[in-house]
Structure formats: C-alpha cells, structure tokens
Amino acid sequence: MPHDDGSTVDVLLRLLDDGVPVPSYAHPGDAGADLVTTVDVEIPPQGRVTVPTGVAIALPDGYAAFVHPRSGLAAKHGVTIVNAPGTVDAGYRGEIKVTLLNTDVSEPVRLSRGDRVAQLVIQRVERARFLQAEVLPGSHRGDGGFGSSGGWAAARA
C-alpha cells in the first residue's frame, strides 16, 4: 500500500535463492533497485543469455515493475537488456529473469553470481479503456512517425 506521502509502496518479495540480497537502492533518491544474477555466466560477442535473479514479487494492483539496464554494464562492457525495459505485471508471481545482450562484436562478457545485472523500477500505471473512433482529434504532430521530428533524418541530410 502507498504510504501517506505517496512516494513508497510496499512490495511483497520472495527470495528463491538464500544467497542473493533483497533488491535495494544504492543511493537515496535512486529510481531503480539493483537485481543480481544467481549464476556465473559468459555472454558471447553479440550473444544473449537469460539469467535468474532469485527474486519473485507481488505488486499491488495498479503497479508494474520495469527491468532496466544498468548504465555501468552498458558503458564498460556493452551489455544491455534485449527487451528493455522488461515489464513485470502486477499479477506475475514467478522469478524475475533478465535477458542480457552483449553488443560487443569481439569480446565475451563474464558475470559472476551476485553481480548486479539490472535495475528494478516500480511505477504506478493506469489502465486504459480503448474507445473506437472514426476520426481522431488533430494534434501538432499528426500522423508523423519515426524520424518525423527531424533528428535522425536531418543528421543524415
């Protein structure tokens, strides 16, 4: 349940591996709590591997957890998450697993049990009611899609 200040939500947690820590925030004000791998693993160049975290959670209705890449792994080793951010729905009770991708073309990346591999961000989410319409109201962007704001296309011109 959210606390009176609205900034904290209680999340029930089950550790599936006694050797892993409870997810925690490295610094006050951090958005993501660290998740670790429970296994030693080598990710080949341009390869991917799914690692277990030893953690299962029960989120309250109206919340979701998002598994984000760690910037340190990305900057130092080129490791990211394939489906970033991964979504953990409120109804999911299984182990949180993370599919890591080594973007390097020549060097494997080795991770050891207990290494931080991802960040878990808990957010309040709204449910939408989708209403069919014959015509959508206008907007500044209109139906412009990828590259319509000129950033990438303008850089190539």
N, C-alpha and C. Protein backbone atom coordinates (compact mmCIF):
# COMPACT_ATOMS: atom_id res chain seq x y z
N MET A 1 0.84 -1.19 0.00
CA MET A 1 0.00 0.00 0.00
C MET A 1 0.88 1.24 0.00
N PRO A 2 0.47 2.29 -0.71
CA PRO A 2 1.23 3.53 -0.67
C PRO A 2 1.18 4.15 0.71
N HIS A 3 2.25 4.77 1.10
CA HIS A 3 2.28 5.49 2.37
C HIS A 3 1.63 6.85 2.18
N ASP A 4 1.43 7.57 3.26
CA ASP A 4 0.74 8.85 3.20
C ASP A 4 1.38 9.84 2.24
N ASP A 5 2.72 9.80 2.13
CA ASP A 5 3.38 10.77 1.25
C ASP A 5 3.32 10.36 -0.22
N GLY A 6 2.81 9.15 -0.51
CA GLY A 6 2.65 8.71 -1.89
C GLY A 6 3.93 8.28 -2.57
N SER A 7 5.07 8.31 -1.88
CA SER A 7 6.34 8.02 -2.55
C SER A 7 6.83 6.60 -2.33
N THR A 8 6.19 5.84 -1.45
CA THR A 8 6.66 4.50 -1.15
C THR A 8 5.50 3.51 -1.26
N VAL A 9 5.77 2.39 -1.89
CA VAL A 9 4.77 1.32 -1.97
C VAL A 9 5.40 0.06 -1.40
N ASP A 10 4.63 -0.70 -0.64
CA ASP A 10 5.12 -1.96 -0.09
C ASP A 10 4.98 -3.04 -1.15
N VAL A 11 6.08 -3.76 -1.41
CA VAL A 11 6.09 -4.84 -2.39
C VAL A 11 6.50 -6.12 -1.66
N LEU A 12 5.62 -7.11 -1.69
CA LEU A 12 5.96 -8.39 -1.10
C LEU A 12 7.00 -9.08 -1.98
N LEU A 13 7.95 -9.73 -1.31
CA LEU A 13 9.08 -10.30 -2.02
C LEU A 13 9.36 -11.70 -1.50
N ARG A 14 9.69 -12.59 -2.40
CA ARG A 14 10.11 -13.94 -2.02
C ARG A 14 11.49 -14.18 -2.60
N LEU A 15 12.46 -14.48 -1.73
CA LEU A 15 13.80 -14.83 -2.21
C LEU A 15 13.80 -16.31 -2.55
N LEU A 16 14.11 -16.63 -3.79
CA LEU A 16 14.12 -18.00 -4.27
C LEU A 16 15.51 -18.62 -4.12
N ASP A 17 16.47 -17.80 -3.73
CA ASP A 17 17.85 -18.22 -3.54
C ASP A 17 18.36 -17.51 -2.29
N ASP A 18 18.71 -18.29 -1.27
CA ASP A 18 19.13 -17.69 0.01
C ASP A 18 20.39 -16.83 -0.11
N GLY A 19 21.14 -17.00 -1.18
CA GLY A 19 22.40 -16.28 -1.30
C GLY A 19 22.30 -14.92 -1.98
N VAL A 20 21.12 -14.51 -2.40
CA VAL A 20 21.01 -13.21 -3.06
C VAL A 20 20.42 -12.18 -2.11
N PRO A 21 20.82 -10.93 -2.27
CA PRO A 21 20.28 -9.88 -1.40
C PRO A 21 18.89 -9.45 -1.85
N VAL A 22 18.15 -8.91 -0.93
CA VAL A 22 16.89 -8.26 -1.27
C VAL A 22 17.24 -7.07 -2.17
N PRO A 23 16.49 -6.84 -3.26
CA PRO A 23 16.77 -5.68 -4.10
C PRO A 23 16.83 -4.41 -3.24
N SER A 24 17.81 -3.56 -3.53
CA SER A 24 17.96 -2.35 -2.73
C SER A 24 18.43 -1.21 -3.61
N TYR A 25 18.23 -0.01 -3.10
CA TYR A 25 18.63 1.20 -3.80
C TYR A 25 20.04 1.57 -3.34
N ALA A 26 20.93 1.84 -4.28
CA ALA A 26 22.32 2.16 -3.95
C ALA A 26 22.44 3.51 -3.25
N HIS A 27 21.60 4.47 -3.64
CA HIS A 27 21.68 5.83 -3.09
C HIS A 27 20.29 6.37 -2.82
N PRO A 28 20.15 7.25 -1.84
CA PRO A 28 18.85 7.89 -1.62
C PRO A 28 18.39 8.60 -2.90
N GLY A 29 17.15 8.47 -3.23
CA GLY A 29 16.62 9.11 -4.42
C GLY A 29 16.75 8.31 -5.70
N ASP A 30 17.47 7.16 -5.66
CA ASP A 30 17.58 6.32 -6.85
C ASP A 30 16.21 5.79 -7.25
N ALA A 31 15.98 5.68 -8.55
CA ALA A 31 14.72 5.15 -9.05
C ALA A 31 14.72 3.63 -9.13
N GLY A 32 15.88 3.04 -9.38
CA GLY A 32 15.97 1.60 -9.59
C GLY A 32 16.66 0.88 -8.45
N ALA A 33 16.10 -0.27 -8.05
CA ALA A 33 16.72 -1.14 -7.06
C ALA A 33 17.50 -2.22 -7.81
N ASP A 34 18.69 -2.53 -7.31
CA ASP A 34 19.58 -3.46 -8.00
C ASP A 34 19.08 -4.90 -7.93
N LEU A 35 19.16 -5.58 -9.08
CA LEU A 35 18.93 -7.01 -9.17
C LEU A 35 20.25 -7.67 -9.53
N VAL A 36 20.50 -8.86 -8.98
CA VAL A 36 21.76 -9.57 -9.25
C VAL A 36 21.47 -10.89 -9.95
N THR A 37 22.50 -11.45 -10.58
CA THR A 37 22.38 -12.78 -11.17
C THR A 37 22.70 -13.83 -10.11
N THR A 38 22.03 -14.97 -10.20
CA THR A 38 22.30 -16.05 -9.27
C THR A 38 23.27 -17.08 -9.85
N VAL A 39 23.73 -16.84 -11.07
CA VAL A 39 24.60 -17.81 -11.74
C VAL A 39 25.83 -17.12 -12.33
N ASP A 40 26.90 -17.89 -12.49
CA ASP A 40 28.05 -17.45 -13.27
C ASP A 40 27.68 -17.67 -14.73
N VAL A 41 28.01 -16.71 -15.57
CA VAL A 41 27.62 -16.82 -16.98
C VAL A 41 28.62 -16.10 -17.86
N GLU A 42 28.79 -16.58 -19.07
CA GLU A 42 29.58 -15.88 -20.09
C GLU A 42 28.65 -15.57 -21.24
N ILE A 43 28.63 -14.30 -21.65
CA ILE A 43 27.79 -13.89 -22.77
C ILE A 43 28.72 -13.71 -23.96
N PRO A 44 28.57 -14.53 -24.99
CA PRO A 44 29.47 -14.42 -26.15
C PRO A 44 29.25 -13.11 -26.90
N PRO A 45 30.23 -12.70 -27.72
CA PRO A 45 30.04 -11.48 -28.52
C PRO A 45 28.74 -11.56 -29.31
N GLN A 46 27.97 -10.51 -29.23
CA GLN A 46 26.67 -10.37 -29.88
C GLN A 46 25.70 -11.48 -29.48
N GLY A 47 25.95 -12.12 -28.35
CA GLY A 47 25.09 -13.18 -27.86
C GLY A 47 24.18 -12.67 -26.76
N ARG A 48 23.20 -13.48 -26.44
CA ARG A 48 22.29 -13.13 -25.35
C ARG A 48 22.11 -14.34 -24.45
N VAL A 49 21.79 -14.05 -23.21
CA VAL A 49 21.55 -15.09 -22.22
C VAL A 49 20.54 -14.58 -21.20
N THR A 50 19.67 -15.47 -20.75
CA THR A 50 18.69 -15.11 -19.73
C THR A 50 19.20 -15.60 -18.39
N VAL A 51 19.31 -14.67 -17.44
CA VAL A 51 19.83 -15.01 -16.11
C VAL A 51 18.74 -14.87 -15.06
N PRO A 52 18.73 -15.80 -14.10
CA PRO A 52 17.78 -15.70 -12.99
C PRO A 52 18.27 -14.69 -11.96
N THR A 53 17.33 -14.09 -11.24
CA THR A 53 17.69 -13.13 -10.19
C THR A 53 17.42 -13.66 -8.79
N GLY A 54 16.72 -14.78 -8.69
CA GLY A 54 16.40 -15.33 -7.38
C GLY A 54 15.33 -14.56 -6.63
N VAL A 55 14.57 -13.73 -7.35
CA VAL A 55 13.58 -12.85 -6.73
C VAL A 55 12.23 -13.02 -7.42
N ALA A 56 11.18 -13.15 -6.63
CA ALA A 56 9.80 -13.09 -7.11
C ALA A 56 9.09 -12.03 -6.27
N ILE A 57 8.18 -11.29 -6.89
CA ILE A 57 7.50 -10.21 -6.18
C ILE A 57 5.99 -10.29 -6.39
N ALA A 58 5.27 -9.63 -5.51
CA ALA A 58 3.82 -9.46 -5.64
C ALA A 58 3.55 -7.96 -5.56
N LEU A 59 3.23 -7.38 -6.68
CA LEU A 59 2.93 -5.95 -6.74
C LEU A 59 1.45 -5.70 -6.46
N PRO A 60 1.13 -4.59 -5.83
CA PRO A 60 -0.28 -4.24 -5.67
C PRO A 60 -0.91 -3.91 -7.02
N ASP A 61 -2.22 -4.11 -7.13
CA ASP A 61 -2.92 -3.71 -8.35
C ASP A 61 -2.63 -2.23 -8.61
N GLY A 62 -2.49 -1.89 -9.89
CA GLY A 62 -2.22 -0.51 -10.26
C GLY A 62 -0.74 -0.19 -10.34
N TYR A 63 0.12 -1.20 -10.13
CA TYR A 63 1.56 -1.01 -10.21
C TYR A 63 2.16 -2.02 -11.18
N ALA A 64 3.31 -1.68 -11.72
CA ALA A 64 4.11 -2.61 -12.53
C ALA A 64 5.56 -2.35 -12.18
N ALA A 65 6.39 -3.34 -12.43
CA ALA A 65 7.83 -3.19 -12.25
C ALA A 65 8.47 -3.24 -13.63
N PHE A 66 9.47 -2.41 -13.83
CA PHE A 66 10.17 -2.36 -15.11
C PHE A 66 11.64 -2.66 -14.88
N VAL A 67 12.16 -3.63 -15.64
CA VAL A 67 13.55 -4.07 -15.51
C VAL A 67 14.38 -3.30 -16.52
N HIS A 68 15.24 -2.42 -16.01
CA HIS A 68 16.06 -1.54 -16.84
C HIS A 68 17.51 -2.01 -16.85
N PRO A 69 18.24 -1.69 -17.94
CA PRO A 69 19.67 -1.99 -17.98
C PRO A 69 20.43 -1.15 -16.96
N ARG A 70 21.60 -1.63 -16.59
CA ARG A 70 22.50 -0.87 -15.72
C ARG A 70 23.45 -0.08 -16.61
N SER A 71 23.55 1.21 -16.35
CA SER A 71 24.40 2.05 -17.19
C SER A 71 25.87 1.65 -17.12
N GLY A 72 26.33 1.18 -15.96
CA GLY A 72 27.73 0.75 -15.83
C GLY A 72 28.05 -0.43 -16.72
N LEU A 73 27.17 -1.42 -16.78
CA LEU A 73 27.39 -2.57 -17.65
C LEU A 73 27.38 -2.15 -19.12
N ALA A 74 26.50 -1.23 -19.45
CA ALA A 74 26.42 -0.75 -20.83
C ALA A 74 27.68 0.01 -21.22
N ALA A 75 28.12 0.92 -20.36
CA ALA A 75 29.28 1.75 -20.68
C ALA A 75 30.59 0.95 -20.69
N LYS A 76 30.77 0.07 -19.72
CA LYS A 76 32.03 -0.66 -19.61
C LYS A 76 32.12 -1.88 -20.50
N HIS A 77 30.98 -2.57 -20.70
CA HIS A 77 31.03 -3.85 -21.40
C HIS A 77 30.07 -3.96 -22.59
N GLY A 78 29.26 -2.95 -22.84
CA GLY A 78 28.31 -3.03 -23.95
C GLY A 78 27.16 -3.98 -23.69
N VAL A 79 26.84 -4.23 -22.42
CA VAL A 79 25.75 -5.15 -22.07
C VAL A 79 24.46 -4.35 -21.84
N THR A 80 23.40 -4.81 -22.47
CA THR A 80 22.10 -4.18 -22.30
C THR A 80 21.05 -5.28 -22.11
N ILE A 81 19.80 -4.89 -22.02
CA ILE A 81 18.70 -5.84 -21.89
C ILE A 81 17.94 -5.86 -23.21
N VAL A 82 17.69 -7.06 -23.72
CA VAL A 82 17.09 -7.21 -25.03
C VAL A 82 15.74 -6.50 -25.12
N ASN A 83 14.86 -6.70 -24.18
CA ASN A 83 13.52 -6.11 -24.25
C ASN A 83 13.37 -4.95 -23.27
N ALA A 84 14.38 -4.12 -23.21
CA ALA A 84 14.40 -3.04 -22.21
C ALA A 84 13.33 -2.01 -22.49
N PRO A 85 12.62 -1.58 -21.45
CA PRO A 85 12.60 -2.25 -20.16
C PRO A 85 11.67 -3.45 -20.20
N GLY A 86 12.05 -4.49 -19.49
CA GLY A 86 11.17 -5.64 -19.33
C GLY A 86 10.06 -5.28 -18.37
N THR A 87 8.88 -5.78 -18.60
CA THR A 87 7.72 -5.43 -17.78
C THR A 87 7.33 -6.60 -16.89
N VAL A 88 7.18 -6.32 -15.60
CA VAL A 88 6.67 -7.30 -14.64
C VAL A 88 5.28 -6.80 -14.24
N ASP A 89 4.26 -7.52 -14.67
CA ASP A 89 2.89 -7.14 -14.36
C ASP A 89 2.53 -7.47 -12.91
N ALA A 90 1.53 -6.78 -12.40
CA ALA A 90 1.12 -6.96 -11.00
C ALA A 90 0.70 -8.40 -10.70
N GLY A 91 0.17 -9.11 -11.67
CA GLY A 91 -0.30 -10.46 -11.44
C GLY A 91 0.77 -11.54 -11.55
N TYR A 92 1.98 -11.19 -11.98
CA TYR A 92 3.05 -12.19 -12.17
C TYR A 92 3.69 -12.54 -10.83
N ARG A 93 3.84 -13.81 -10.56
CA ARG A 93 4.42 -14.26 -9.30
C ARG A 93 5.68 -15.11 -9.49
N GLY A 94 6.13 -15.28 -10.71
CA GLY A 94 7.31 -16.09 -10.96
C GLY A 94 8.60 -15.33 -10.74
N GLU A 95 9.70 -16.04 -10.92
CA GLU A 95 11.02 -15.44 -10.76
C GLU A 95 11.25 -14.38 -11.83
N ILE A 96 11.82 -13.27 -11.43
CA ILE A 96 12.22 -12.23 -12.38
C ILE A 96 13.52 -12.70 -13.03
N LYS A 97 13.50 -12.78 -14.35
CA LYS A 97 14.69 -13.16 -15.11
C LYS A 97 15.02 -12.02 -16.06
N VAL A 98 16.28 -11.91 -16.41
CA VAL A 98 16.75 -10.80 -17.23
C VAL A 98 17.48 -11.35 -18.45
N THR A 99 17.05 -10.95 -19.65
CA THR A 99 17.72 -11.38 -20.87
C THR A 99 18.72 -10.31 -21.28
N LEU A 100 20.00 -10.65 -21.09
CA LEU A 100 21.10 -9.73 -21.35
C LEU A 100 21.65 -9.94 -22.76
N LEU A 101 22.10 -8.85 -23.37
CA LEU A 101 22.68 -8.88 -24.71
C LEU A 101 24.06 -8.24 -24.66
N ASN A 102 25.06 -8.94 -25.16
CA ASN A 102 26.42 -8.40 -25.29
C ASN A 102 26.52 -7.79 -26.68
N THR A 103 26.60 -6.47 -26.76
CA THR A 103 26.65 -5.79 -28.05
C THR A 103 28.05 -5.75 -28.64
N ASP A 104 29.06 -6.16 -27.90
CA ASP A 104 30.43 -6.17 -28.40
C ASP A 104 30.55 -7.21 -29.50
N VAL A 105 31.36 -6.91 -30.52
CA VAL A 105 31.49 -7.84 -31.65
C VAL A 105 32.65 -8.81 -31.48
N SER A 106 33.52 -8.60 -30.48
CA SER A 106 34.68 -9.47 -30.37
C SER A 106 34.97 -10.04 -28.99
N GLU A 107 34.47 -9.41 -27.92
CA GLU A 107 34.82 -9.86 -26.57
C GLU A 107 33.61 -10.43 -25.82
N PRO A 108 33.79 -11.60 -25.21
CA PRO A 108 32.73 -12.11 -24.35
C PRO A 108 32.69 -11.32 -23.04
N VAL A 109 31.58 -11.37 -22.36
CA VAL A 109 31.45 -10.72 -21.06
C VAL A 109 31.15 -11.81 -20.03
N ARG A 110 31.93 -11.81 -18.96
CA ARG A 110 31.73 -12.78 -17.89
C ARG A 110 31.09 -12.10 -16.69
N LEU A 111 30.04 -12.71 -16.19
CA LEU A 111 29.37 -12.22 -14.99
C LEU A 111 29.40 -13.33 -13.95
N SER A 112 29.56 -12.93 -12.71
CA SER A 112 29.62 -13.88 -11.61
C SER A 112 28.37 -13.77 -10.75
N ARG A 113 28.04 -14.88 -10.11
CA ARG A 113 26.92 -14.89 -9.17
C ARG A 113 27.06 -13.70 -8.22
N GLY A 114 25.99 -12.96 -8.05
CA GLY A 114 26.00 -11.80 -7.17
C GLY A 114 26.28 -10.48 -7.88
N ASP A 115 26.70 -10.53 -9.16
CA ASP A 115 26.93 -9.29 -9.91
C ASP A 115 25.58 -8.62 -10.20
N ARG A 116 25.57 -7.30 -10.09
CA ARG A 116 24.37 -6.54 -10.41
C ARG A 116 24.17 -6.54 -11.92
N VAL A 117 22.98 -6.91 -12.37
CA VAL A 117 22.73 -7.04 -13.80
C VAL A 117 21.61 -6.14 -14.31
N ALA A 118 20.78 -5.62 -13.42
CA ALA A 118 19.65 -4.81 -13.86
C ALA A 118 19.15 -3.97 -12.70
N GLN A 119 18.25 -3.04 -13.03
CA GLN A 119 17.59 -2.22 -12.02
C GLN A 119 16.09 -2.42 -12.13
N LEU A 120 15.44 -2.55 -11.00
CA LEU A 120 14.00 -2.74 -10.96
C LEU A 120 13.35 -1.43 -10.54
N VAL A 121 12.52 -0.89 -11.43
CA VAL A 121 11.81 0.37 -11.16
C VAL A 121 10.33 0.05 -10.98
N ILE A 122 9.78 0.43 -9.84
CA ILE A 122 8.37 0.20 -9.54
C ILE A 122 7.61 1.49 -9.88
N GLN A 123 6.54 1.35 -10.67
CA GLN A 123 5.77 2.54 -11.06
C GLN A 123 4.28 2.26 -10.99
N ARG A 124 3.56 3.31 -10.68
CA ARG A 124 2.11 3.27 -10.76
C ARG A 124 1.75 3.33 -12.23
N VAL A 125 0.79 2.52 -12.64
CA VAL A 125 0.37 2.51 -14.04
C VAL A 125 -1.14 2.65 -14.13
N GLU A 126 -1.57 3.29 -15.17
CA GLU A 126 -3.00 3.48 -15.42
C GLU A 126 -3.49 2.41 -16.38
N ARG A 127 -4.72 1.99 -16.21
CA ARG A 127 -5.35 1.11 -17.17
C ARG A 127 -6.16 1.97 -18.12
N ALA A 128 -6.10 1.65 -19.38
CA ALA A 128 -6.82 2.43 -20.38
C ALA A 128 -8.10 1.71 -20.79
N ARG A 129 -9.08 2.47 -21.14
CA ARG A 129 -10.28 1.94 -21.78
C ARG A 129 -10.19 2.42 -23.22
N PHE A 130 -10.07 1.50 -24.16
CA PHE A 130 -9.87 1.85 -25.56
C PHE A 130 -11.23 2.04 -26.22
N LEU A 131 -11.45 3.25 -26.73
CA LEU A 131 -12.72 3.61 -27.34
C LEU A 131 -12.50 3.80 -28.83
N GLN A 132 -13.23 3.05 -29.62
CA GLN A 132 -13.07 3.14 -31.06
C GLN A 132 -13.68 4.44 -31.57
N ALA A 133 -13.00 5.07 -32.56
CA ALA A 133 -13.49 6.33 -33.13
C ALA A 133 -13.26 6.30 -34.64
N GLU A 134 -14.14 6.94 -35.37
CA GLU A 134 -13.98 7.04 -36.83
C GLU A 134 -12.87 8.02 -37.19
N VAL A 135 -12.75 9.11 -36.39
CA VAL A 135 -11.76 10.15 -36.64
C VAL A 135 -11.12 10.52 -35.31
N LEU A 136 -9.81 10.72 -35.32
CA LEU A 136 -9.11 11.14 -34.11
C LEU A 136 -8.96 12.65 -34.12
N PRO A 137 -8.95 13.27 -32.94
CA PRO A 137 -8.75 14.72 -32.90
C PRO A 137 -7.35 15.06 -33.44
N GLY A 138 -7.20 16.26 -33.97
CA GLY A 138 -5.93 16.69 -34.51
C GLY A 138 -4.90 16.93 -33.41
N SER A 139 -3.63 16.97 -33.80
CA SER A 139 -2.54 17.29 -32.88
C SER A 139 -1.42 17.96 -33.66
N HIS A 140 -0.48 18.52 -32.95
CA HIS A 140 0.64 19.19 -33.60
C HIS A 140 1.45 18.21 -34.45
N ARG A 141 1.65 16.99 -33.96
CA ARG A 141 2.47 16.00 -34.67
C ARG A 141 1.71 15.34 -35.80
N GLY A 142 0.41 15.18 -35.63
CA GLY A 142 -0.37 14.49 -36.66
C GLY A 142 0.01 13.02 -36.73
N ASP A 143 0.15 12.50 -37.96
CA ASP A 143 0.47 11.09 -38.11
C ASP A 143 1.94 10.85 -38.42
N GLY A 144 2.82 11.85 -38.11
CA GLY A 144 4.26 11.69 -38.33
C GLY A 144 4.82 10.59 -37.45
N GLY A 145 5.59 9.68 -38.03
CA GLY A 145 6.13 8.55 -37.29
C GLY A 145 7.62 8.67 -37.05
N PHE A 146 8.33 7.56 -37.14
CA PHE A 146 9.77 7.52 -36.89
C PHE A 146 10.49 8.59 -37.69
N GLY A 147 11.30 9.38 -37.01
CA GLY A 147 12.10 10.40 -37.68
C GLY A 147 11.34 11.65 -38.05
N SER A 148 10.06 11.74 -37.68
CA SER A 148 9.26 12.88 -38.12
C SER A 148 9.66 14.18 -37.44
N SER A 149 10.39 14.09 -36.30
CA SER A 149 10.79 15.34 -35.65
C SER A 149 12.07 15.90 -36.24
N GLY A 150 12.68 15.18 -37.18
CA GLY A 150 13.84 15.71 -37.91
C GLY A 150 15.18 15.37 -37.32
N GLY A 151 15.24 14.78 -36.13
CA GLY A 151 16.55 14.50 -35.50
C GLY A 151 17.44 13.61 -36.34
N TRP A 152 17.01 12.38 -36.60
CA TRP A 152 17.86 11.43 -37.31
C TRP A 152 17.92 11.76 -38.80
N ALA A 153 16.77 12.07 -39.36
CA ALA A 153 16.73 12.36 -40.80
C ALA A 153 17.54 13.62 -41.12
N ALA A 154 17.44 14.64 -40.26
CA ALA A 154 18.20 15.88 -40.50
C ALA A 154 19.69 15.64 -40.39
N ALA A 155 20.11 14.77 -39.47
CA ALA A 155 21.53 14.48 -39.31
C ALA A 155 22.11 13.78 -40.51
N ARG A 156 21.29 13.00 -41.24
CA ARG A 156 21.77 12.26 -42.41
C ARG A 156 21.78 13.13 -43.65
N ALA A 157 21.01 14.22 -43.65
CA ALA A 157 20.89 15.06 -44.85
C ALA A 157 22.15 15.84 -45.12
